[in-house]
Amino acid sequence: MKNTKTTLAGIGAILIAVGGALRAAFDADPSTNIDIASTIAAVTAGIGLIMAKDADKTATIDPKA
């Protein structure tokens, strides 16, 4: 959790995926099914965004170059 923006995007992706699955599960329409594959993919993407290390931008400069 190095970058706040990336972490918030990951949390948002997870919340939207879980919210969509819960909405599909608890709506009044019995023909609505939860799309497990897209829910798992979105949660996995959210976890990847949370674990991203994009804020570590330290450059090493070789003085002999």
Protein backbone atom coordinates (compact mmCIF):
# COMPACT_ATOMS: atom_id res chain seq x y z
CA MET A 1 0.00 0.00 0.00
CA LYS A 2 2.52 2.56 -1.21
CA ASN A 3 0.32 4.81 -3.34
CA THR A 4 -2.97 6.11 -1.99
CA LYS A 5 -4.58 6.50 -5.41
CA THR A 6 -3.76 2.97 -6.49
CA THR A 7 -4.90 1.52 -3.17
CA LEU A 8 -8.21 3.39 -3.35
CA ALA A 9 -8.73 2.17 -6.92
CA GLY A 10 -8.17 -1.41 -5.75
CA ILE A 11 -10.57 -1.06 -2.85
CA GLY A 12 -13.12 0.49 -5.19
CA ALA A 13 -12.78 -2.36 -7.67
CA ILE A 14 -13.34 -4.92 -4.92
CA LEU A 15 -16.35 -3.07 -3.50
CA ILE A 16 -17.98 -2.71 -6.92
CA ALA A 17 -17.42 -6.40 -7.73
CA VAL A 18 -18.80 -7.61 -4.42
CA GLY A 19 -21.68 -5.12 -4.59
CA GLY A 20 -22.66 -6.31 -8.05
CA ALA A 21 -22.59 -9.93 -6.92
CA LEU A 22 -24.68 -9.16 -3.86
CA ARG A 23 -27.18 -7.19 -5.92
CA ALA A 24 -27.54 -10.11 -8.32
CA ALA A 25 -27.92 -12.54 -5.43
CA PHE A 26 -30.55 -10.62 -3.50
CA ASP A 27 -32.70 -9.02 -6.18
CA ALA A 28 -36.28 -10.18 -6.60
CA ASP A 29 -35.66 -11.70 -10.03
CA PRO A 30 -35.03 -15.47 -9.76
CA SER A 31 -33.55 -15.60 -13.27
CA THR A 32 -30.60 -13.38 -12.29
CA ASN A 33 -27.36 -15.31 -11.76
CA ILE A 34 -24.10 -14.20 -10.21
CA ASP A 35 -21.25 -14.05 -12.70
CA ILE A 36 -18.60 -15.75 -10.58
CA ALA A 37 -15.84 -15.45 -13.18
CA SER A 38 -16.10 -11.68 -13.54
CA THR A 39 -16.45 -11.24 -9.77
CA ILE A 40 -13.28 -13.24 -9.11
CA ALA A 41 -11.45 -11.37 -11.89
CA ALA A 42 -12.42 -7.98 -10.49
CA VAL A 43 -11.50 -8.94 -6.93
CA THR A 44 -8.16 -10.27 -8.15
CA ALA A 45 -7.51 -7.03 -10.04
CA GLY A 46 -8.39 -5.07 -6.92
CA ILE A 47 -5.95 -7.09 -4.84
CA GLY A 48 -3.30 -6.53 -7.49
CA LEU A 49 -3.90 -2.78 -7.35
CA ILE A 50 -3.67 -2.77 -3.57
CA MET A 51 -0.41 -4.73 -3.61
CA ALA A 52 1.14 -2.65 -6.43
CA LYS A 53 4.47 -0.99 -5.69
CA ASP A 54 4.18 1.83 -8.20
CA ALA A 55 5.12 4.63 -5.80
CA ASP A 56 8.69 3.39 -5.32
CA LYS A 57 10.39 5.51 -7.98
CA THR A 58 13.94 5.64 -6.71
CA ALA A 59 16.45 5.67 -9.52
CA THR A 60 19.97 4.43 -9.19
CA ILE A 61 22.51 6.51 -11.08
CA ASP A 62 25.78 4.86 -12.03
CA PRO A 63 28.52 7.51 -11.73
CA LYS A 64 30.75 5.59 -14.20
CA ALA A 65 28.23 5.75 -17.04
